[in-house]
C-alpha cells in the first residue's frame, strides 16, 4: 500500500450561493489523500506499469473544478471523492476542500470527506 497526497491544489471556481458568489470566481484549496495498492512488479522493475496515475486524476479535478459552478462545498467535495474512487486501484481516499475567507474572522472554511472499499 502507498498513500499519495496532493497538497494545496489552488483552483478558481464559482462556489457559493450569495449573489456576488454567483458572478465572481473564488479560490478553493484542495487536499487529497489517496491510498492505493502498488504492484510488486513495479517495485521490482521501477517501471510505471499498473501504477495509479495521480497526475491524470489531478488534471481531471482541475478541469472539473475550473469549469464548474457549485453552491455547496459539501457537493464539490463529494463529487471529487467520487471521481477518485472510480479507479479500482484506489482503496481509500480523503478529500478536503477549503474556501479561504468564507467567514469574516476565519482563515477558511473546509469540508472533508472520506470513502473506502
PDB file of N, CA and C in Angstrom:
ATOM      1  N   UNK A   1       0.840  -1.189   0.000  1.00  0.00           N
ATOM      2  CA  UNK A   1       0.000   0.000   0.000  1.00  0.00           C
ATOM      3  C   UNK A   1       0.879   1.244   0.000  1.00  0.00           C
ATOM      4  N   UNK A   2       0.352   2.267  -0.606  1.00  0.00           N
ATOM      5  CA  UNK A   2       1.013   3.569  -0.596  1.00  0.00           C
ATOM      6  C   UNK A   2      -0.059   4.634  -0.406  1.00  0.00           C
ATOM      7  N   UNK A   3       0.331   5.725   0.225  1.00  0.00           N
ATOM      8  CA  UNK A   3      -0.563   6.868   0.364  1.00  0.00           C
ATOM      9  C   UNK A   3       0.014   8.006  -0.463  1.00  0.00           C
ATOM     10  N   UNK A   4      -0.785   8.469  -1.398  1.00  0.00           N
ATOM     11  CA  UNK A   4      -0.401   9.592  -2.249  1.00  0.00           C
ATOM     12  C   UNK A   4      -1.130  10.816  -1.728  1.00  0.00           C
ATOM     13  N   UNK A   5      -0.396  11.889  -1.535  1.00  0.00           N
ATOM     14  CA  UNK A   5      -1.004  13.142  -1.080  1.00  0.00           C
ATOM     15  C   UNK A   5      -0.756  14.238  -2.109  1.00  0.00           C
ATOM     16  N   UNK A   6      -1.817  14.922  -2.480  1.00  0.00           N
ATOM     17  CA  UNK A   6      -1.725  16.121  -3.304  1.00  0.00           C
ATOM     18  C   UNK A   6      -2.117  17.254  -2.370  1.00  0.00           C
ATOM     19  N   UNK A   7      -1.186  18.181  -2.162  1.00  0.00           N
ATOM     20  CA  UNK A   7      -1.386  19.207  -1.135  1.00  0.00           C
ATOM     21  C   UNK A   7      -1.561  20.599  -1.744  1.00  0.00           C
ATOM     22  N   UNK A   8      -2.533  21.299  -1.212  1.00  0.00           N
ATOM     23  CA  UNK A   8      -2.743  22.721  -1.518  1.00  0.00           C
ATOM     24  C   UNK A   8      -2.908  23.006  -3.004  1.00  0.00           C
ATOM     25  N   UNK A   9      -3.773  22.267  -3.643  1.00  0.00           N
ATOM     26  CA  UNK A   9      -4.109  22.486  -5.041  1.00  0.00           C
ATOM     27  C   UNK A   9      -5.045  23.703  -5.090  1.00  0.00           C
ATOM     28  N   UNK A  10      -4.566  24.804  -5.638  1.00  0.00           N
ATOM     29  CA  UNK A  10      -5.292  26.075  -5.640  1.00  0.00           C
ATOM     30  C   UNK A  10      -5.981  26.258  -6.993  1.00  0.00           C
ATOM     31  N   UNK A  11      -7.321  26.363  -6.951  1.00  0.00           N
ATOM     32  CA  UNK A  11      -8.115  26.468  -8.167  1.00  0.00           C
ATOM     33  C   UNK A  11      -9.169  27.563  -7.984  1.00  0.00           C
ATOM     34  N   UNK A  12      -9.452  28.285  -9.050  1.00  0.00           N
ATOM     35  CA  UNK A  12     -10.510  29.300  -9.027  1.00  0.00           C
ATOM     36  C   UNK A  12     -11.769  28.716  -9.655  1.00  0.00           C
ATOM     37  N   UNK A  13     -12.897  28.946  -8.978  1.00  0.00           N
ATOM     38  CA  UNK A  13     -14.173  28.428  -9.457  1.00  0.00           C
ATOM     39  C   UNK A  13     -15.309  29.279  -8.907  1.00  0.00           C
ATOM     40  N   UNK A  14     -16.502  28.993  -9.384  1.00  0.00           N
ATOM     41  CA  UNK A  14     -17.696  29.603  -8.804  1.00  0.00           C
ATOM     42  C   UNK A  14     -18.140  28.705  -7.660  1.00  0.00           C
ATOM     43  N   UNK A  15     -18.154  29.252  -6.447  1.00  0.00           N
ATOM     44  CA  UNK A  15     -18.553  28.473  -5.278  1.00  0.00           C
ATOM     45  C   UNK A  15     -19.366  29.363  -4.340  1.00  0.00           C
ATOM     46  N   UNK A  16     -20.551  28.928  -4.020  1.00  0.00           N
ATOM     47  CA  UNK A  16     -21.412  29.685  -3.119  1.00  0.00           C
ATOM     48  C   UNK A  16     -22.742  30.004  -3.764  1.00  0.00           C
ATOM     49  N   UNK A  17     -23.613  30.619  -2.971  1.00  0.00           N
ATOM     50  CA  UNK A  17     -24.953  30.924  -3.456  1.00  0.00           C
ATOM     51  C   UNK A  17     -25.367  32.363  -3.200  1.00  0.00           C
ATOM     52  N   UNK A  18     -24.492  33.162  -2.583  1.00  0.00           N
ATOM     53  CA  UNK A  18     -24.777  34.585  -2.430  1.00  0.00           C
ATOM     54  C   UNK A  18     -24.640  35.260  -3.792  1.00  0.00           C
ATOM     55  N   UNK A  19     -25.364  36.356  -4.015  1.00  0.00           N
ATOM     56  CA  UNK A  19     -25.342  36.988  -5.346  1.00  0.00           C
ATOM     57  C   UNK A  19     -23.944  37.254  -5.907  1.00  0.00           C
ATOM     58  N   UNK A  20     -23.030  37.771  -5.096  1.00  0.00           N
ATOM     59  CA  UNK A  20     -21.676  38.069  -5.588  1.00  0.00           C
ATOM     60  C   UNK A  20     -20.891  36.793  -5.894  1.00  0.00           C
ATOM     61  N   UNK A  21     -21.215  35.696  -5.209  1.00  0.00           N
ATOM     62  CA  UNK A  21     -20.520  34.427  -5.444  1.00  0.00           C
ATOM     63  C   UNK A  21     -20.972  33.757  -6.751  1.00  0.00           C
ATOM     64  N   UNK A  22     -22.145  34.135  -7.206  1.00  0.00           N
ATOM     65  CA  UNK A  22     -22.664  33.559  -8.444  1.00  0.00           C
ATOM     66  C   UNK A  22     -22.023  34.170  -9.684  1.00  0.00           C
ATOM     67  N   UNK A  23     -21.389  35.343  -9.530  1.00  0.00           N
ATOM     68  CA  UNK A  23     -20.808  36.028 -10.690  1.00  0.00           C
ATOM     69  C   UNK A  23     -19.293  36.202 -10.601  1.00  0.00           C
ATOM     70  N   UNK A  24     -18.701  35.927  -9.443  1.00  0.00           N
ATOM     71  CA  UNK A  24     -17.255  36.083  -9.261  1.00  0.00           C
ATOM     72  C   UNK A  24     -16.619  34.767  -8.838  1.00  0.00           C
ATOM     73  N   UNK A  25     -15.583  34.358  -9.564  1.00  0.00           N
ATOM     74  CA  UNK A  25     -14.850  33.156  -9.165  1.00  0.00           C
ATOM     75  C   UNK A  25     -14.096  33.421  -7.870  1.00  0.00           C
ATOM     76  N   UNK A  26     -13.928  32.355  -7.095  1.00  0.00           N
ATOM     77  CA  UNK A  26     -13.187  32.413  -5.844  1.00  0.00           C
ATOM     78  C   UNK A  26     -12.179  31.264  -5.808  1.00  0.00           C
ATOM     79  N   UNK A  27     -11.206  31.413  -4.942  1.00  0.00           N
ATOM     80  CA  UNK A  27     -10.234  30.343  -4.751  1.00  0.00           C
ATOM     81  C   UNK A  27     -10.810  29.240  -3.881  1.00  0.00           C
ATOM     82  N   UNK A  28     -10.457  28.009  -4.220  1.00  0.00           N
ATOM     83  CA  UNK A  28     -10.632  26.882  -3.316  1.00  0.00           C
ATOM     84  C   UNK A  28      -9.282  26.181  -3.241  1.00  0.00           C
ATOM     85  N   UNK A  29      -9.005  25.602  -2.093  1.00  0.00           N
ATOM     86  CA  UNK A  29      -7.763  24.866  -1.885  1.00  0.00           C
ATOM     87  C   UNK A  29      -8.147  23.416  -1.617  1.00  0.00           C
ATOM     88  N   UNK A  30      -7.597  22.518  -2.417  1.00  0.00           N
ATOM     89  CA  UNK A  30      -7.984  21.109  -2.350  1.00  0.00           C
ATOM     90  C   UNK A  30      -6.793  20.274  -1.900  1.00  0.00           C
ATOM     91  N   UNK A  31      -7.045  19.401  -0.933  1.00  0.00           N
ATOM     92  CA  UNK A  31      -6.051  18.437  -0.466  1.00  0.00           C
ATOM     93  C   UNK A  31      -6.622  17.044  -0.656  1.00  0.00           C
ATOM     94  N   UNK A  32      -5.803  16.170  -1.229  1.00  0.00           N
ATOM     95  CA  UNK A  32      -6.214  14.799  -1.498  1.00  0.00           C
ATOM     96  C   UNK A  32      -5.289  13.833  -0.774  1.00  0.00           C
ATOM     97  N   UNK A  33      -5.862  12.771  -0.275  1.00  0.00           N
ATOM     98  CA  UNK A  33      -5.088  11.656   0.272  1.00  0.00           C
ATOM     99  C   UNK A  33      -5.686  10.397  -0.338  1.00  0.00           C
ATOM    100  N   UNK A  34      -4.852   9.663  -1.086  1.00  0.00           N
ATOM    101  CA  UNK A  34      -5.336   8.521  -1.859  1.00  0.00           C
ATOM    102  C   UNK A  34      -4.479   7.305  -1.518  1.00  0.00           C
ATOM    103  N   UNK A  35      -5.124   6.279  -1.002  1.00  0.00           N
ATOM    104  CA  UNK A  35      -4.414   5.045  -0.653  1.00  0.00           C
ATOM    105  C   UNK A  35      -4.620   4.035  -1.773  1.00  0.00           C
ATOM    106  N   UNK A  36      -3.505   3.534  -2.289  1.00  0.00           N
ATOM    107  CA  UNK A  36      -3.546   2.624  -3.432  1.00  0.00           C
ATOM    108  C   UNK A  36      -2.634   1.429  -3.206  1.00  0.00           C
ATOM    109  N   UNK A  37      -2.951   0.356  -3.915  1.00  0.00           N
ATOM    110  CA  UNK A  37      -2.038  -0.779  -3.971  1.00  0.00           C
ATOM    111  C   UNK A  37      -0.934  -0.449  -4.971  1.00  0.00           C
ATOM    112  N   UNK A  38       0.282  -0.863  -4.664  1.00  0.00           N
ATOM    113  CA  UNK A  38       1.403  -0.716  -5.587  1.00  0.00           C
ATOM    114  C   UNK A  38       1.784  -2.120  -6.049  1.00  0.00           C
ATOM    115  N   UNK A  39       1.698  -2.365  -7.346  1.00  0.00           N
ATOM    116  CA  UNK A  39       2.040  -3.703  -7.835  1.00  0.00           C
ATOM    117  C   UNK A  39       3.486  -4.071  -7.515  1.00  0.00           C
ATOM    118  N   UNK A  40       3.685  -5.293  -7.085  1.00  0.00           N
ATOM    119  CA  UNK A  40       5.028  -5.786  -6.758  1.00  0.00           C
ATOM    120  C   UNK A  40       5.968  -5.662  -7.963  1.00  0.00           C
ATOM    121  N   UNK A  41       5.433  -5.909  -9.142  1.00  0.00           N
ATOM    122  CA  UNK A  41       6.242  -5.804 -10.356  1.00  0.00           C
ATOM    123  C   UNK A  41       6.825  -4.402 -10.520  1.00  0.00           C
ATOM    124  N   UNK A  42       6.024  -3.389 -10.256  1.00  0.00           N
ATOM    125  CA  UNK A  42       6.501  -2.007 -10.386  1.00  0.00           C
ATOM    126  C   UNK A  42       7.618  -1.718  -9.382  1.00  0.00           C
ATOM    127  N   UNK A  43       7.503  -2.264  -8.188  1.00  0.00           N
ATOM    128  CA  UNK A  43       8.541  -2.057  -7.176  1.00  0.00           C
ATOM    129  C   UNK A  43       9.851  -2.740  -7.565  1.00  0.00           C
ATOM    130  N   UNK A  44       9.753  -3.865  -8.266  1.00  0.00           N
ATOM    131  CA  UNK A  44      10.960  -4.601  -8.668  1.00  0.00           C
ATOM    132  C   UNK A  44      11.605  -4.027  -9.924  1.00  0.00           C
ATOM    133  N   UNK A  45      10.771  -3.536 -10.850  1.00  0.00           N
ATOM    134  CA  UNK A  45      11.305  -3.098 -12.137  1.00  0.00           C
ATOM    135  C   UNK A  45      11.485  -1.584 -12.246  1.00  0.00           C
ATOM    136  N   UNK A  46      10.900  -0.830 -11.316  1.00  0.00           N
ATOM    137  CA  UNK A  46      10.932   0.639 -11.357  1.00  0.00           C
ATOM    138  C   UNK A  46      10.304   1.165 -12.646  1.00  0.00           C
ATOM    139  N   UNK A  47       9.270   0.457 -13.096  1.00  0.00           N
ATOM    140  CA  UNK A  47       8.508   0.858 -14.279  1.00  0.00           C
ATOM    141  C   UNK A  47       7.070   1.168 -13.846  1.00  0.00           C
ATOM    142  N   UNK A  48       6.423   2.124 -14.519  1.00  0.00           N
ATOM    143  CA  UNK A  48       5.107   2.576 -14.060  1.00  0.00           C
ATOM    144  C   UNK A  48       3.923   1.698 -14.450  1.00  0.00           C
ATOM    145  N   UNK A  49       4.152   0.523 -15.005  1.00  0.00           N
ATOM    146  CA  UNK A  49       3.047  -0.353 -15.387  1.00  0.00           C
ATOM    147  C   UNK A  49       2.187  -0.708 -14.180  1.00  0.00           C
ATOM    148  N   UNK A  50       0.898  -0.423 -14.280  1.00  0.00           N
ATOM    149  CA  UNK A  50      -0.033  -0.774 -13.213  1.00  0.00           C
ATOM    150  C   UNK A  50      -0.059   0.191 -12.048  1.00  0.00           C
ATOM    151  N   UNK A  51       0.659   1.294 -12.147  1.00  0.00           N
ATOM    152  CA  UNK A  51       0.725   2.288 -11.064  1.00  0.00           C
ATOM    153  C   UNK A  51      -0.440   3.267 -11.192  1.00  0.00           C
ATOM    154  N   UNK A  52      -0.972   3.710 -10.073  1.00  0.00           N
ATOM    155  CA  UNK A  52      -2.030   4.727 -10.049  1.00  0.00           C
ATOM    156  C   UNK A  52      -1.482   6.030 -10.610  1.00  0.00           C
ATOM    157  N   UNK A  53      -2.212   6.631 -11.536  1.00  0.00           N
ATOM    158  CA  UNK A  53      -1.764   7.847 -12.213  1.00  0.00           C
ATOM    159  C   UNK A  53      -2.336   9.078 -11.511  1.00  0.00           C
ATOM    160  N   UNK A  54      -1.621   9.586 -10.518  1.00  0.00           N
ATOM    161  CA  UNK A  54      -2.117  10.741  -9.768  1.00  0.00           C
ATOM    162  C   UNK A  54      -2.108  12.019 -10.602  1.00  0.00           C
ATOM    163  N   UNK A  55      -1.244  12.099 -11.594  1.00  0.00           N
ATOM    164  CA  UNK A  55      -1.228  13.278 -12.465  1.00  0.00           C
ATOM    165  C   UNK A  55      -2.525  13.351 -13.285  1.00  0.00           C
ATOM    166  N   UNK A  56      -2.967  12.204 -13.764  1.00  0.00           N
ATOM    167  CA  UNK A  56      -4.190  12.143 -14.575  1.00  0.00           C
ATOM    168  C   UNK A  56      -5.406  12.576 -13.760  1.00  0.00           C
ATOM    169  N   UNK A  57      -5.552  12.058 -12.553  1.00  0.00           N
ATOM    170  CA  UNK A  57      -6.716  12.414 -11.740  1.00  0.00           C
ATOM    171  C   UNK A  57      -6.640  13.874 -11.299  1.00  0.00           C
ATOM    172  N   UNK A  58      -5.438  14.380 -11.043  1.00  0.00           N
ATOM    173  CA  UNK A  58      -5.292  15.783 -10.655  1.00  0.00           C
ATOM    174  C   UNK A  58      -5.700  16.701 -11.798  1.00  0.00           C
ATOM    175  N   UNK A  59      -5.286  16.395 -13.015  1.00  0.00           N
ATOM    176  CA  UNK A  59      -5.699  17.195 -14.179  1.00  0.00           C
ATOM    177  C   UNK A  59      -7.210  17.172 -14.350  1.00  0.00           C
ATOM    178  N   UNK A  60      -7.799  16.003 -14.151  1.00  0.00           N
ATOM    179  CA  UNK A  60      -9.253  15.877 -14.268  1.00  0.00           C
ATOM    180  C   UNK A  60      -9.967  16.734 -13.225  1.00  0.00           C
ATOM    181  N   UNK A  61      -9.462  16.717 -12.002  1.00  0.00           N
ATOM    182  CA  UNK A  61     -10.044  17.521 -10.926  1.00  0.00           C
ATOM    183  C   UNK A  61      -9.913  19.011 -11.237  1.00  0.00           C
ATOM    184  N   UNK A  62      -8.739  19.432 -11.679  1.00  0.00           N
ATOM    185  CA  UNK A  62      -8.524  20.852 -12.007  1.00  0.00           C
ATOM    186  C   UNK A  62      -9.534  21.301 -13.060  1.00  0.00           C
ATOM    187  N   UNK A  63      -9.663  20.549 -14.124  1.00  0.00           N
ATOM    188  CA  UNK A  63     -10.593  20.910 -15.186  1.00  0.00           C
ATOM    189  C   UNK A  63     -12.029  20.950 -14.680  1.00  0.00           C
ATOM    190  N   UNK A  64     -12.424  19.942 -13.923  1.00  0.00           N
ATOM    191  CA  UNK A  64     -13.787  19.861 -13.402  1.00  0.00           C
ATOM    192  C   UNK A  64     -14.116  21.057 -12.508  1.00  0.00           C
ATOM    193  N   UNK A  65     -13.203  21.400 -11.618  1.00  0.00           N
ATOM    194  CA  UNK A  65     -13.454  22.497 -10.685  1.00  0.00           C
ATOM    195  C   UNK A  65     -13.449  23.842 -11.410  1.00  0.00           C
ATOM    196  N   UNK A  66     -12.479  24.061 -12.304  1.00  0.00           N
ATOM    197  CA  UNK A  66     -12.405  25.328 -13.034  1.00  0.00           C
ATOM    198  C   UNK A  66     -13.645  25.576 -13.888  1.00  0.00           C
ATOM    199  N   UNK A  67     -14.168  24.534 -14.493  1.00  0.00           N
ATOM    200  CA  UNK A  67     -15.294  24.682 -15.409  1.00  0.00           C
ATOM    201  C   UNK A  67     -16.651  24.626 -14.701  1.00  0.00           C
ATOM    202  N   UNK A  68     -16.677  24.226 -13.434  1.00  0.00           N
ATOM    203  CA  UNK A  68     -17.939  24.006 -12.745  1.00  0.00           C
ATOM    204  C   UNK A  68     -18.488  25.210 -12.009  1.00  0.00           C
ATOM    205  N   UNK A  69     -19.686  25.045 -11.534  1.00  0.00           N
ATOM    206  CA  UNK A  69     -20.365  26.008 -10.665  1.00  0.00           C
ATOM    207  C   UNK A  69     -20.968  25.203  -9.522  1.00  0.00           C
ATOM    208  N   UNK A  70     -20.651  25.605  -8.305  1.00  0.00           N
ATOM    209  CA  UNK A  70     -21.065  24.848  -7.131  1.00  0.00           C
ATOM    210  C   UNK A  70     -21.638  25.799  -6.092  1.00  0.00           C
ATOM    211  N   UNK A  71     -22.751  25.419  -5.498  1.00  0.00           N
ATOM    212  CA  UNK A  71     -23.321  26.212  -4.408  1.00  0.00           C
ATOM    213  C   UNK A  71     -22.747  25.778  -3.065  1.00  0.00           C
ATOM    214  N   UNK A  72     -22.519  24.474  -2.907  1.00  0.00           N
ATOM    215  CA  UNK A  72     -22.124  23.935  -1.608  1.00  0.00           C
ATOM    216  C   UNK A  72     -20.751  23.273  -1.657  1.00  0.00           C
ATOM    217  N   UNK A  73     -19.931  23.553  -0.661  1.00  0.00           N
ATOM    218  CA  UNK A  73     -18.645  22.869  -0.512  1.00  0.00           C
ATOM    219  C   UNK A  73     -18.846  21.363  -0.364  1.00  0.00           C
ATOM    220  N   UNK A  74     -19.918  21.000   0.321  1.00  0.00           N
ATOM    221  CA  UNK A  74     -20.199  19.584   0.540  1.00  0.00           C
ATOM    222  C   UNK A  74     -20.396  18.835  -0.775  1.00  0.00           C
ATOM    223  N   UNK A  75     -21.090  19.460  -1.710  1.00  0.00           N
ATOM    224  CA  UNK A  75     -21.345  18.823  -3.005  1.00  0.00           C
ATOM    225  C   UNK A  75     -20.050  18.718  -3.800  1.00  0.00           C
ATOM    226  N   UNK A  76     -19.273  19.786  -3.858  1.00  0.00           N
ATOM    227  CA  UNK A  76     -17.997  19.756  -4.570  1.00  0.00           C
ATOM    228  C   UNK A  76     -17.085  18.683  -3.988  1.00  0.00           C
ATOM    229  N   UNK A  77     -16.988  18.620  -2.682  1.00  0.00           N
ATOM    230  CA  UNK A  77     -16.129  17.638  -2.021  1.00  0.00           C
ATOM    231  C   UNK A  77     -16.562  16.220  -2.365  1.00  0.00           C
ATOM    232  N   UNK A  78     -17.844  15.948  -2.295  1.00  0.00           N
ATOM    233  CA  UNK A  78     -18.345  14.594  -2.578  1.00  0.00           C
ATOM    234  C   UNK A  78     -18.118  14.217  -4.033  1.00  0.00           C
ATOM    235  N   UNK A  79     -18.296  15.159  -4.937  1.00  0.00           N
ATOM    236  CA  UNK A  79     -18.090  14.857  -6.356  1.00  0.00           C
ATOM    237  C   UNK A  79     -16.626  14.525  -6.642  1.00  0.00           C
ATOM    238  N   UNK A  80     -15.713  15.257  -6.028  1.00  0.00           N
ATOM    239  CA  UNK A  80     -14.290  14.971  -6.219  1.00  0.00           C
ATOM    240  C   UNK A  80     -13.934  13.603  -5.638  1.00  0.00           C
ATOM    241  N   UNK A  81     -14.467  13.300  -4.474  1.00  0.00           N
ATOM    242  CA  UNK A  81     -14.223  12.000  -3.856  1.00  0.00           C
ATOM    243  C   UNK A  81     -14.729  10.874  -4.762  1.00  0.00           C
ATOM    244  N   UNK A  82     -15.894  11.060  -5.348  1.00  0.00           N
ATOM    245  CA  UNK A  82     -16.438  10.062  -6.265  1.00  0.00           C
ATOM    246  C   UNK A  82     -15.554   9.847  -7.482  1.00  0.00           C
ATOM    247  N   UNK A  83     -14.983  10.930  -8.018  1.00  0.00           N
ATOM    248  CA  UNK A  83     -14.087  10.820  -9.169  1.00  0.00           C
ATOM    249  C   UNK A  83     -12.873   9.963  -8.824  1.00  0.00           C
ATOM    250  N   UNK A  84     -12.320  10.185  -7.663  1.00  0.00           N
ATOM    251  CA  UNK A  84     -11.132   9.441  -7.239  1.00  0.00           C
ATOM    252  C   UNK A  84     -11.464   7.967  -7.025  1.00  0.00           C
ATOM    253  N   UNK A  85     -12.600   7.709  -6.403  1.00  0.00           N
ATOM    254  CA  UNK A  85     -12.973   6.326  -6.069  1.00  0.00           C
ATOM    255  C   UNK A  85     -13.369   5.492  -7.291  1.00  0.00           C
ATOM    256  N   UNK A  86     -13.539   6.121  -8.457  1.00  0.00           N
ATOM    257  CA  UNK A  86     -13.864   5.370  -9.676  1.00  0.00           C
ATOM    258  C   UNK A  86     -12.744   4.409 -10.071  1.00  0.00           C
ATOM    259  N   UNK A  87     -11.512   4.743  -9.721  1.00  0.00           N
ATOM    260  CA  UNK A  87     -10.368   3.919 -10.114  1.00  0.00           C
ATOM    261  C   UNK A  87     -10.279   2.700  -9.195  1.00  0.00           C
ATOM    262  N   UNK A  88     -10.251   1.482  -9.769  1.00  0.00           N
ATOM    263  CA  UNK A  88     -10.215   0.279  -8.942  1.00  0.00           C
ATOM    264  C   UNK A  88      -8.927   0.119  -8.122  1.00  0.00           C
ATOM    265  N   UNK A  89      -7.871   0.841  -8.453  1.00  0.00           N
ATOM    266  CA  UNK A  89      -6.643   0.773  -7.657  1.00  0.00           C
ATOM    267  C   UNK A  89      -6.770   1.499  -6.322  1.00  0.00           C
ATOM    268  N   UNK A  90      -7.752   2.398  -6.224  1.00  0.00           N
ATOM    269  CA  UNK A  90      -7.925   3.197  -5.004  1.00  0.00           C
ATOM    270  C   UNK A  90      -8.637   2.368  -3.946  1.00  0.00           C
ATOM    271  N   UNK A  91      -8.022   2.286  -2.782  1.00  0.00           N
ATOM    272  CA  UNK A  91      -8.605   1.554  -1.652  1.00  0.00           C
ATOM    273  C   UNK A  91      -9.307   2.487  -0.670  1.00  0.00           C
ATOM    274  N   UNK A  92      -8.764   3.693  -0.536  1.00  0.00           N
ATOM    275  CA  UNK A  92      -9.328   4.692   0.373  1.00  0.00           C
ATOM    276  C   UNK A  92      -8.938   6.062  -0.151  1.00  0.00           C
ATOM    277  N   UNK A  93      -9.828   7.020   0.026  1.00  0.00           N
ATOM    278  CA  UNK A  93      -9.498   8.389  -0.369  1.00  0.00           C
ATOM    279  C   UNK A  93     -10.127   9.362   0.613  1.00  0.00           C
ATOM    280  N   UNK A  94      -9.436  10.469   0.788  1.00  0.00           N
ATOM    281  CA  UNK A  94      -9.930  11.570   1.619  1.00  0.00           C
ATOM    282  C   UNK A  94      -9.741  12.845   0.811  1.00  0.00           C
ATOM    283  N   UNK A  95     -10.780  13.666   0.792  1.00  0.00           N
ATOM    284  CA  UNK A  95     -10.737  14.944   0.076  1.00  0.00           C
ATOM    285  C   UNK A  95     -11.139  16.037   1.044  1.00  0.00           C
ATOM    286  N   UNK A  96     -10.338  17.103   1.070  1.00  0.00           N
ATOM    287  CA  UNK A  96     -10.667  18.289   1.857  1.00  0.00           C
ATOM    288  C   UNK A  96     -10.671  19.475   0.907  1.00  0.00           C
ATOM    289  N   UNK A  97     -11.754  20.254   0.948  1.00  0.00           N
ATOM    290  CA  UNK A  97     -11.861  21.459   0.128  1.00  0.00           C
ATOM    291  C   UNK A  97     -12.019  22.649   1.071  1.00  0.00           C
ATOM    292  N   UNK A  98     -11.088  23.590   0.964  1.00  0.00           N
ATOM    293  CA  UNK A  98     -11.105  24.819   1.755  1.00  0.00           C
ATOM    294  C   UNK A  98     -11.620  25.964   0.908  1.00  0.00           C
ATOM    295  N   UNK A  99     -12.417  26.815   1.513  1.00  0.00           N
ATOM    296  CA  UNK A  99     -12.854  28.058   0.876  1.00  0.00           C
ATOM    297  C   UNK A  99     -12.275  29.199   1.708  1.00  0.00           C
ATOM    298  N   UNK A 100     -11.134  29.750   1.273  1.00  0.00           N
ATOM    299  CA  UNK A 100     -10.492  30.820   2.043  1.00  0.00           C
ATOM    300  C   UNK A 100     -11.408  32.044   2.189  1.00  0.00           C
ATOM    301  N   UNK A 101     -11.341  32.633   3.351  1.00  0.00           N
ATOM    302  CA  UNK A 101     -12.044  33.890   3.653  1.00  0.00           C
ATOM    303  C   UNK A 101     -13.566  33.782   3.553  1.00  0.00           C
ATOM    304  N   UNK A 102     -14.105  32.591   3.735  1.00  0.00           N
ATOM    305  CA  UNK A 102     -15.558  32.410   3.679  1.00  0.00           C
ATOM    306  C   UNK A 102     -16.248  33.058   4.871  1.00  0.00           C
ATOM    307  N   UNK A 103     -15.545  33.127   5.981  1.00  0.00           N
ATOM    308  CA  UNK A 103     -16.066  33.781   7.182  1.00  0.00           C
ATOM    309  C   UNK A 103     -15.150  34.940   7.565  1.00  0.00           C
ATOM    310  N   UNK A 104     -15.723  35.968   8.093  1.00  0.00           N
ATOM    311  CA  UNK A 104     -15.004  37.204   8.373  1.00  0.00           C
ATOM    312  C   UNK A 104     -13.766  37.031   9.241  1.00  0.00           C
ATOM    313  N   UNK A 105     -13.842  36.274  10.298  1.00  0.00           N
ATOM    314  CA  UNK A 105     -12.723  36.163  11.229  1.00  0.00           C
ATOM    315  C   UNK A 105     -11.986  34.821  11.144  1.00  0.00           C
ATOM    316  N   UNK A 106     -12.211  34.095  10.063  1.00  0.00           N
ATOM    317  CA  UNK A 106     -11.567  32.789   9.896  1.00  0.00           C
ATOM    318  C   UNK A 106     -10.721  32.790   8.630  1.00  0.00           C
ATOM    319  N   UNK A 107      -9.621  32.058   8.691  1.00  0.00           N
ATOM    320  CA  UNK A 107      -8.772  31.919   7.511  1.00  0.00           C
ATOM    321  C   UNK A 107      -9.510  31.204   6.388  1.00  0.00           C
ATOM    322  N   UNK A 108     -10.268  30.173   6.746  1.00  0.00           N
ATOM    323  CA  UNK A 108     -11.043  29.451   5.742  1.00  0.00           C
ATOM    324  C   UNK A 108     -12.099  28.591   6.420  1.00  0.00           C
ATOM    325  N   UNK A 109     -12.959  28.052   5.584  1.00  0.00           N
ATOM    326  CA  UNK A 109     -13.918  27.026   5.993  1.00  0.00           C
ATOM    327  C   UNK A 109     -13.632  25.835   5.088  1.00  0.00           C
ATOM    328  N   UNK A 110     -13.650  24.634   5.662  1.00  0.00           N
ATOM    329  CA  UNK A 110     -13.388  23.465   4.830  1.00  0.00           C
ATOM    330  C   UNK A 110     -14.385  22.360   5.117  1.00  0.00           C
ATOM    331  N   UNK A 111     -14.518  21.492   4.119  1.00  0.00           N
ATOM    332  CA  UNK A 111     -15.306  20.279   4.254  1.00  0.00           C
ATOM    333  C   UNK A 111     -14.382  19.124   3.885  1.00  0.00           C
ATOM    334  N   UNK A 112     -14.413  18.070   4.668  1.00  0.00           N
ATOM    335  CA  UNK A 112     -13.590  16.893   4.428  1.00  0.00           C
ATOM    336  C   UNK A 112     -14.482  15.667   4.386  1.00  0.00           C
ATOM    337  N   UNK A 113     -14.241  14.814   3.408  1.00  0.00           N
ATOM    338  CA  UNK A 113     -14.984  13.553   3.279  1.00  0.00           C
ATOM    339  C   UNK A 113     -14.020  12.432   2.939  1.00  0.00           C
ATOM    340  N   UNK A 114     -14.401  11.222   3.330  1.00  0.00           N
ATOM    341  CA  UNK A 114     -13.556  10.045   3.124  1.00  0.00           C
ATOM    342  C   UNK A 114     -14.421   8.885   2.660  1.00  0.00           C
ATOM    343  N   UNK A 115     -13.825   8.026   1.849  1.00  0.00           N
ATOM    344  CA  UNK A 115     -14.503   6.822   1.394  1.00  0.00           C
ATOM    345  C   UNK A 115     -13.478   5.698   1.274  1.00  0.00           C
ATOM    346  N   UNK A 116     -13.926   4.462   1.324  1.00  0.00           N
ATOM    347  CA  UNK A 116     -13.017   3.326   1.215  1.00  0.00           C
ATOM    348  C   UNK A 116     -13.761   2.131   0.660  1.00  0.00           C
ATOM    349  N   UNK A 117     -12.966   1.132   0.209  1.00  0.00           N
ATOM    350  CA  UNK A 117     -13.544  -0.133  -0.277  1.00  0.00           C
ATOM    351  C   UNK A 117     -13.183  -1.236   0.686  1.00  0.00           C
TER     352      UNK A 117
END
